[in-house]
Each structure stands twice: as structure tokens, then as C-alpha cells.
Amino acid sequence: MDLIDASGAFRDLFERPLRVGDFRLIYVHIDERNTEVTLGFELGRLPDRPLAEWLCKGFNASQFLFRFAQVTRLGIENWCGFSGAQEPHVTLSHDHTGLLHVMLAADDETMSFHATTARLAEHRAFLASSSW
């Protein structure tokens, strides 16, 4: 997640950078009015440095929403909301112009876009079942 401007809260929660593969994609929201895409990810554990409140409540998993701004070149093919058997694979990279390129793919479904910035919009912890 080092391509995302995760300054502040996100970096305070983790001792080392995380890879996108450490998370499971759980949420996609496209806001055409503000040209933003929000992606929600779930981590099957608490961050390295969880908030004391989360520990007191017995939480064992966490979610993070990242908002990608000034989205362009949004492309969607065979969209079914990633409802197939395969977990979506998420790729983050910079293109030759310096824009952030995001690609989501699973089975024959794909979604891709470019964004100027991405930031942590929200994070929370919760009590998950042992099936994660």
C-alpha cells in the first residue's frame, strides 16, 4: 500500500508497509459526481499497533477504505460485482505520466482506472468469525 498516501493514521497502525495481497477487497463505490472511486479492504487481523479501544472490545480484524481522487479512464468489463468463485486480484502501479493505475480482476471481470491521488478515508476494527 506504499503507493497510497497513507500518512497519519494508516502508518501509525502498521510497523511495516503492507502489500495489497495482504487485504481482501470487500467494497467498490464509484462516485461519478466527484470523479472518485472508493475501495474497501479487509484485513483478517488487527493492525500491528491497534487502538487500545479495539483491544478492550476484543476485536480481531480490521477494514480500510481508500478513496482514489480525480479518476480517469475508468473501464469495466463483464461486471458482476466480483461474485464469482475467484477472489479479485488488485494491482496498484504508477503509469509513465505518474498517475496511479488501479486494476481489479477476477475470473473474466475487470475494472481499471487512473487516479491522481489515493488516501485513507476510513478505518475500523470489528470482531470477525474464525472463517476468515
N, C-alpha and C. Protein backbone atom coordinates (compact mmCIF):
# COMPACT_ATOMS: atom_id res chain seq x y z
N MET A 1 0.83 -1.19 0.00
CA MET A 1 0.00 0.00 0.00
C MET A 1 0.87 1.25 0.00
N ASP A 2 2.14 1.09 -0.32
CA ASP A 2 3.04 2.23 -0.29
C ASP A 2 2.79 3.22 -1.42
N LEU A 3 2.00 2.86 -2.43
CA LEU A 3 1.67 3.80 -3.50
C LEU A 3 0.56 4.76 -3.07
N ILE A 4 -0.11 4.42 -1.99
CA ILE A 4 -1.21 5.25 -1.49
C ILE A 4 -0.66 6.19 -0.44
N ASP A 5 -1.12 7.44 -0.47
CA ASP A 5 -0.72 8.40 0.56
C ASP A 5 -1.41 8.00 1.85
N ALA A 6 -0.73 7.17 2.59
CA ALA A 6 -1.32 6.64 3.82
C ALA A 6 -0.66 7.29 5.03
N SER A 7 -0.35 8.55 4.89
CA SER A 7 0.27 9.25 6.01
C SER A 7 -0.70 9.32 7.18
N GLY A 8 -0.15 9.53 8.34
CA GLY A 8 -1.01 9.69 9.51
C GLY A 8 -1.52 8.39 10.05
N ALA A 9 -2.84 8.23 10.12
CA ALA A 9 -3.48 7.11 10.81
C ALA A 9 -3.02 5.75 10.30
N PHE A 10 -2.93 5.55 9.01
CA PHE A 10 -2.57 4.24 8.48
C PHE A 10 -1.14 3.87 8.87
N ARG A 11 -0.23 4.76 8.70
CA ARG A 11 1.16 4.47 9.06
C ARG A 11 1.33 4.31 10.56
N ASP A 12 0.52 4.99 11.34
CA ASP A 12 0.57 4.84 12.79
C ASP A 12 0.14 3.44 13.24
N LEU A 13 -0.69 2.78 12.44
CA LEU A 13 -1.23 1.48 12.80
C LEU A 13 -0.31 0.31 12.43
N PHE A 14 0.60 0.51 11.49
CA PHE A 14 1.42 -0.58 10.99
C PHE A 14 2.90 -0.29 11.15
N GLU A 15 3.64 -1.33 11.55
CA GLU A 15 5.08 -1.20 11.74
C GLU A 15 5.84 -1.26 10.42
N ARG A 16 5.29 -1.96 9.45
CA ARG A 16 5.95 -2.11 8.16
C ARG A 16 4.92 -1.95 7.05
N PRO A 17 5.37 -1.59 5.85
CA PRO A 17 4.42 -1.45 4.74
C PRO A 17 3.73 -2.78 4.44
N LEU A 18 2.47 -2.70 4.04
CA LEU A 18 1.70 -3.88 3.67
C LEU A 18 1.60 -3.97 2.16
N ARG A 19 1.42 -5.18 1.68
CA ARG A 19 1.18 -5.40 0.26
C ARG A 19 -0.33 -5.46 0.03
N VAL A 20 -0.74 -5.14 -1.16
CA VAL A 20 -2.17 -5.21 -1.49
C VAL A 20 -2.68 -6.63 -1.27
N GLY A 21 -1.85 -7.62 -1.52
CA GLY A 21 -2.25 -9.01 -1.35
C GLY A 21 -2.56 -9.40 0.09
N ASP A 22 -2.16 -8.58 1.05
CA ASP A 22 -2.47 -8.85 2.46
C ASP A 22 -3.94 -8.59 2.78
N PHE A 23 -4.62 -7.88 1.90
CA PHE A 23 -6.00 -7.46 2.13
C PHE A 23 -6.95 -8.23 1.22
N ARG A 24 -8.22 -8.26 1.60
CA ARG A 24 -9.28 -8.81 0.76
C ARG A 24 -10.20 -7.66 0.36
N LEU A 25 -10.45 -7.52 -0.94
CA LEU A 25 -11.34 -6.48 -1.44
C LEU A 25 -12.77 -6.82 -1.05
N ILE A 26 -13.46 -5.87 -0.40
CA ILE A 26 -14.83 -6.12 0.06
C ILE A 26 -15.82 -5.07 -0.43
N TYR A 27 -15.34 -3.98 -1.04
CA TYR A 27 -16.24 -2.86 -1.33
C TYR A 27 -15.70 -2.06 -2.50
N VAL A 28 -16.59 -1.70 -3.43
CA VAL A 28 -16.25 -0.82 -4.53
C VAL A 28 -17.38 0.20 -4.66
N HIS A 29 -17.03 1.49 -4.65
CA HIS A 29 -18.02 2.54 -4.84
C HIS A 29 -17.48 3.53 -5.86
N ILE A 30 -18.25 3.77 -6.91
CA ILE A 30 -17.87 4.73 -7.96
C ILE A 30 -18.75 5.96 -7.80
N ASP A 31 -18.12 7.10 -7.57
CA ASP A 31 -18.83 8.37 -7.42
C ASP A 31 -18.56 9.23 -8.65
N GLU A 32 -19.49 9.20 -9.59
CA GLU A 32 -19.28 9.93 -10.85
C GLU A 32 -19.35 11.44 -10.67
N ARG A 33 -20.01 11.92 -9.62
CA ARG A 33 -20.11 13.38 -9.43
C ARG A 33 -18.77 13.98 -9.04
N ASN A 34 -18.05 13.27 -8.17
CA ASN A 34 -16.75 13.78 -7.71
C ASN A 34 -15.58 13.10 -8.37
N THR A 35 -15.85 12.29 -9.38
CA THR A 35 -14.84 11.50 -10.09
C THR A 35 -13.90 10.80 -9.11
N GLU A 36 -14.52 10.04 -8.19
CA GLU A 36 -13.77 9.29 -7.18
C GLU A 36 -14.20 7.83 -7.20
N VAL A 37 -13.27 6.97 -6.81
CA VAL A 37 -13.57 5.56 -6.58
C VAL A 37 -13.08 5.24 -5.18
N THR A 38 -13.93 4.59 -4.40
CA THR A 38 -13.54 4.15 -3.06
C THR A 38 -13.49 2.64 -3.06
N LEU A 39 -12.36 2.11 -2.59
CA LEU A 39 -12.18 0.67 -2.46
C LEU A 39 -12.07 0.32 -0.99
N GLY A 40 -12.80 -0.67 -0.58
CA GLY A 40 -12.75 -1.14 0.81
C GLY A 40 -12.02 -2.46 0.89
N PHE A 41 -11.14 -2.56 1.86
CA PHE A 41 -10.34 -3.77 2.05
C PHE A 41 -10.50 -4.26 3.48
N GLU A 42 -10.43 -5.58 3.63
CA GLU A 42 -10.50 -6.18 4.94
C GLU A 42 -9.19 -6.91 5.21
N LEU A 43 -8.72 -6.76 6.41
CA LEU A 43 -7.51 -7.44 6.87
C LEU A 43 -7.96 -8.43 7.93
N GLY A 44 -7.63 -9.68 7.80
CA GLY A 44 -8.10 -10.71 8.71
C GLY A 44 -7.42 -10.71 10.06
N ARG A 45 -6.93 -9.57 10.46
CA ARG A 45 -6.28 -9.41 11.76
C ARG A 45 -6.31 -7.93 12.12
N LEU A 46 -5.88 -7.63 13.32
CA LEU A 46 -5.73 -6.23 13.71
C LEU A 46 -4.41 -5.69 13.16
N PRO A 47 -4.29 -4.39 13.04
CA PRO A 47 -3.01 -3.80 12.64
C PRO A 47 -1.94 -4.10 13.69
N ASP A 48 -0.68 -3.85 13.35
CA ASP A 48 0.44 -4.09 14.27
C ASP A 48 0.30 -3.29 15.55
N ARG A 49 -0.20 -2.07 15.43
CA ARG A 49 -0.38 -1.19 16.59
C ARG A 49 -1.85 -0.78 16.68
N PRO A 50 -2.71 -1.68 17.15
CA PRO A 50 -4.14 -1.36 17.20
C PRO A 50 -4.44 -0.31 18.27
N LEU A 51 -5.55 0.37 18.09
CA LEU A 51 -6.01 1.29 19.12
C LEU A 51 -6.38 0.51 20.37
N ALA A 52 -6.13 1.06 21.53
CA ALA A 52 -6.43 0.39 22.80
C ALA A 52 -7.91 0.01 22.88
N GLU A 53 -8.76 0.86 22.37
CA GLU A 53 -10.21 0.62 22.37
C GLU A 53 -10.54 -0.69 21.64
N TRP A 54 -9.84 -0.96 20.55
CA TRP A 54 -10.09 -2.17 19.78
C TRP A 54 -9.71 -3.42 20.59
N LEU A 55 -8.61 -3.34 21.31
CA LEU A 55 -8.17 -4.46 22.14
C LEU A 55 -9.15 -4.72 23.28
N CYS A 56 -9.59 -3.64 23.92
CA CYS A 56 -10.55 -3.77 25.03
C CYS A 56 -11.85 -4.43 24.60
N LYS A 57 -12.25 -4.17 23.37
CA LYS A 57 -13.51 -4.73 22.86
C LYS A 57 -13.34 -6.12 22.26
N GLY A 58 -12.11 -6.63 22.24
CA GLY A 58 -11.88 -7.97 21.73
C GLY A 58 -11.92 -8.09 20.22
N PHE A 59 -11.76 -6.99 19.51
CA PHE A 59 -11.78 -7.03 18.05
C PHE A 59 -10.57 -7.82 17.53
N ASN A 60 -10.75 -8.47 16.36
CA ASN A 60 -9.68 -9.28 15.81
C ASN A 60 -9.46 -9.11 14.31
N ALA A 61 -10.13 -8.16 13.71
CA ALA A 61 -9.98 -7.90 12.27
C ALA A 61 -10.20 -6.41 12.01
N SER A 62 -9.84 -5.95 10.82
CA SER A 62 -9.96 -4.52 10.52
C SER A 62 -10.31 -4.29 9.06
N GLN A 63 -10.90 -3.11 8.82
CA GLN A 63 -11.28 -2.69 7.47
C GLN A 63 -10.72 -1.31 7.19
N PHE A 64 -10.41 -1.08 5.91
CA PHE A 64 -9.84 0.20 5.48
C PHE A 64 -10.51 0.62 4.18
N LEU A 65 -10.95 1.87 4.11
CA LEU A 65 -11.49 2.43 2.88
C LEU A 65 -10.49 3.43 2.32
N PHE A 66 -10.11 3.23 1.06
CA PHE A 66 -9.19 4.14 0.39
C PHE A 66 -9.94 4.85 -0.73
N ARG A 67 -9.83 6.16 -0.76
CA ARG A 67 -10.52 6.98 -1.76
C ARG A 67 -9.51 7.44 -2.81
N PHE A 68 -9.80 7.11 -4.06
CA PHE A 68 -8.97 7.48 -5.20
C PHE A 68 -9.63 8.69 -5.87
N ALA A 69 -8.87 9.78 -6.02
CA ALA A 69 -9.44 11.05 -6.50
C ALA A 69 -9.05 11.33 -7.94
N GLN A 70 -9.88 12.15 -8.58
CA GLN A 70 -9.70 12.60 -9.96
C GLN A 70 -9.47 11.41 -10.89
N VAL A 71 -10.44 10.51 -10.83
CA VAL A 71 -10.37 9.28 -11.60
C VAL A 71 -10.63 9.55 -13.07
N THR A 72 -9.80 8.94 -13.90
CA THR A 72 -9.98 9.00 -15.36
C THR A 72 -9.80 7.59 -15.92
N ARG A 73 -10.17 7.42 -17.16
CA ARG A 73 -10.00 6.16 -17.89
C ARG A 73 -10.59 4.96 -17.14
N LEU A 74 -11.77 5.17 -16.58
CA LEU A 74 -12.47 4.08 -15.88
C LEU A 74 -12.96 3.08 -16.92
N GLY A 75 -12.59 1.84 -16.75
CA GLY A 75 -13.02 0.78 -17.65
C GLY A 75 -13.55 -0.40 -16.86
N ILE A 76 -14.71 -0.90 -17.27
CA ILE A 76 -15.34 -2.04 -16.59
C ILE A 76 -15.77 -3.05 -17.64
N GLU A 77 -15.41 -4.32 -17.44
CA GLU A 77 -15.79 -5.37 -18.38
C GLU A 77 -16.39 -6.54 -17.62
N ASN A 78 -17.53 -7.05 -18.12
CA ASN A 78 -18.19 -8.24 -17.57
C ASN A 78 -18.47 -8.11 -16.08
N TRP A 79 -18.90 -6.95 -15.67
CA TRP A 79 -19.05 -6.66 -14.24
C TRP A 79 -20.23 -7.41 -13.64
N CYS A 80 -19.93 -8.17 -12.59
CA CYS A 80 -20.97 -8.83 -11.78
C CYS A 80 -20.69 -8.59 -10.31
N GLY A 81 -19.89 -7.59 -10.01
CA GLY A 81 -19.56 -7.28 -8.63
C GLY A 81 -18.62 -8.28 -8.00
N PHE A 82 -17.80 -8.93 -8.83
CA PHE A 82 -16.85 -9.94 -8.37
C PHE A 82 -17.57 -11.01 -7.56
N SER A 83 -18.64 -11.52 -8.12
CA SER A 83 -19.46 -12.51 -7.42
C SER A 83 -19.03 -13.94 -7.71
N GLY A 84 -18.01 -14.13 -8.52
CA GLY A 84 -17.55 -15.47 -8.87
C GLY A 84 -16.76 -16.12 -7.75
N ALA A 85 -16.26 -17.29 -8.04
CA ALA A 85 -15.53 -18.08 -7.04
C ALA A 85 -14.14 -17.50 -6.75
N GLN A 86 -13.56 -16.82 -7.73
CA GLN A 86 -12.21 -16.31 -7.57
C GLN A 86 -12.21 -14.97 -6.85
N GLU A 87 -11.30 -14.84 -5.86
CA GLU A 87 -11.12 -13.55 -5.17
C GLU A 87 -10.52 -12.54 -6.16
N PRO A 88 -10.98 -11.29 -6.15
CA PRO A 88 -10.39 -10.30 -7.05
C PRO A 88 -8.93 -10.03 -6.71
N HIS A 89 -8.13 -9.92 -7.75
CA HIS A 89 -6.72 -9.56 -7.61
C HIS A 89 -6.61 -8.06 -7.85
N VAL A 90 -5.96 -7.35 -6.95
CA VAL A 90 -5.82 -5.90 -7.04
C VAL A 90 -4.37 -5.56 -7.33
N THR A 91 -4.15 -4.72 -8.34
CA THR A 91 -2.81 -4.27 -8.69
C THR A 91 -2.77 -2.75 -8.65
N LEU A 92 -1.78 -2.20 -7.96
CA LEU A 92 -1.55 -0.75 -7.91
C LEU A 92 -0.18 -0.48 -8.52
N SER A 93 -0.12 0.51 -9.41
CA SER A 93 1.16 0.89 -10.00
C SER A 93 1.07 2.34 -10.47
N HIS A 94 2.20 2.91 -10.83
CA HIS A 94 2.22 4.23 -11.44
C HIS A 94 2.46 4.05 -12.93
N ASP A 95 1.75 4.83 -13.75
CA ASP A 95 2.00 4.76 -15.18
C ASP A 95 3.11 5.74 -15.55
N HIS A 96 3.42 5.85 -16.82
CA HIS A 96 4.53 6.69 -17.28
C HIS A 96 4.31 8.18 -17.02
N THR A 97 3.07 8.59 -16.77
CA THR A 97 2.79 10.01 -16.50
C THR A 97 2.80 10.33 -15.01
N GLY A 98 2.96 9.28 -14.18
CA GLY A 98 2.94 9.48 -12.74
C GLY A 98 1.59 9.26 -12.09
N LEU A 99 0.56 8.99 -12.91
CA LEU A 99 -0.76 8.71 -12.35
C LEU A 99 -0.76 7.31 -11.73
N LEU A 100 -1.59 7.15 -10.73
CA LEU A 100 -1.78 5.86 -10.09
C LEU A 100 -2.70 5.02 -10.97
N HIS A 101 -2.30 3.81 -11.30
CA HIS A 101 -3.12 2.91 -12.10
C HIS A 101 -3.61 1.78 -11.20
N VAL A 102 -4.92 1.56 -11.20
CA VAL A 102 -5.54 0.54 -10.36
C VAL A 102 -6.22 -0.47 -11.28
N MET A 103 -5.98 -1.75 -11.03
CA MET A 103 -6.60 -2.82 -11.81
C MET A 103 -7.17 -3.85 -10.84
N LEU A 104 -8.45 -4.17 -11.02
CA LEU A 104 -9.13 -5.22 -10.26
C LEU A 104 -9.51 -6.30 -11.27
N ALA A 105 -9.20 -7.55 -10.97
CA ALA A 105 -9.52 -8.62 -11.92
C ALA A 105 -9.85 -9.90 -11.17
N ALA A 106 -10.88 -10.59 -11.64
CA ALA A 106 -11.26 -11.90 -11.12
C ALA A 106 -12.08 -12.60 -12.20
N ASP A 107 -11.80 -13.89 -12.40
CA ASP A 107 -12.47 -14.64 -13.45
C ASP A 107 -12.38 -13.82 -14.74
N ASP A 108 -13.49 -13.48 -15.36
CA ASP A 108 -13.44 -12.65 -16.57
C ASP A 108 -13.90 -11.22 -16.31
N GLU A 109 -14.02 -10.83 -15.04
CA GLU A 109 -14.43 -9.48 -14.67
C GLU A 109 -13.20 -8.61 -14.46
N THR A 110 -13.24 -7.39 -14.98
CA THR A 110 -12.14 -6.45 -14.74
C THR A 110 -12.69 -5.05 -14.52
N MET A 111 -11.92 -4.29 -13.76
CA MET A 111 -12.20 -2.87 -13.56
C MET A 111 -10.83 -2.20 -13.46
N SER A 112 -10.65 -1.13 -14.18
CA SER A 112 -9.38 -0.41 -14.10
C SER A 112 -9.64 1.08 -14.19
N PHE A 113 -8.74 1.85 -13.61
CA PHE A 113 -8.83 3.30 -13.68
C PHE A 113 -7.49 3.92 -13.31
N HIS A 114 -7.37 5.21 -13.62
CA HIS A 114 -6.23 6.01 -13.22
C HIS A 114 -6.72 7.07 -12.23
N ALA A 115 -5.88 7.45 -11.29
CA ALA A 115 -6.24 8.47 -10.31
C ALA A 115 -5.00 9.31 -9.99
N THR A 116 -5.24 10.55 -9.61
CA THR A 116 -4.11 11.41 -9.25
C THR A 116 -3.61 11.13 -7.84
N THR A 117 -4.53 10.83 -6.92
CA THR A 117 -4.15 10.56 -5.54
C THR A 117 -5.04 9.48 -4.94
N ALA A 118 -4.57 8.92 -3.85
CA ALA A 118 -5.37 7.98 -3.07
C ALA A 118 -5.03 8.22 -1.61
N ARG A 119 -6.06 8.15 -0.78
CA ARG A 119 -5.83 8.39 0.65
C ARG A 119 -6.73 7.49 1.47
N LEU A 120 -6.32 7.26 2.70
CA LEU A 120 -7.14 6.50 3.63
C LEU A 120 -8.32 7.37 4.02
N ALA A 121 -9.53 6.90 3.73
CA ALA A 121 -10.73 7.68 4.04
C ALA A 121 -11.35 7.27 5.36
N GLU A 122 -11.21 5.98 5.71
CA GLU A 122 -11.85 5.49 6.94
C GLU A 122 -11.20 4.17 7.33
N HIS A 123 -11.17 3.92 8.61
CA HIS A 123 -10.71 2.61 9.09
C HIS A 123 -11.48 2.26 10.36
N ARG A 124 -11.66 0.94 10.55
CA ARG A 124 -12.37 0.47 11.73
C ARG A 124 -11.94 -0.96 12.02
N ALA A 125 -12.21 -1.39 13.23
CA ALA A 125 -11.94 -2.77 13.64
C ALA A 125 -13.26 -3.41 14.05
N PHE A 126 -13.27 -4.74 14.05
CA PHE A 126 -14.50 -5.46 14.39
C PHE A 126 -14.15 -6.87 14.84
N LEU A 127 -15.15 -7.56 15.34
CA LEU A 127 -14.98 -8.95 15.76
C LEU A 127 -15.42 -9.85 14.60
N ALA A 128 -14.47 -10.59 14.05
CA ALA A 128 -14.76 -11.47 12.91
C ALA A 128 -14.89 -12.91 13.37
N SER A 129 -15.63 -13.67 12.61
CA SER A 129 -15.72 -15.11 12.89
C SER A 129 -14.39 -15.76 12.54
N SER A 130 -14.21 -16.98 12.91
CA SER A 130 -12.94 -17.66 12.67
C SER A 130 -12.80 -18.13 11.23
N SER A 131 -13.78 -17.88 10.38
CA SER A 131 -13.74 -18.36 9.00
C SER A 131 -12.88 -17.50 8.09
N TRP A 132 -12.37 -16.38 8.54
CA TRP A 132 -11.55 -15.52 7.70
C TRP A 132 -10.28 -16.24 7.47
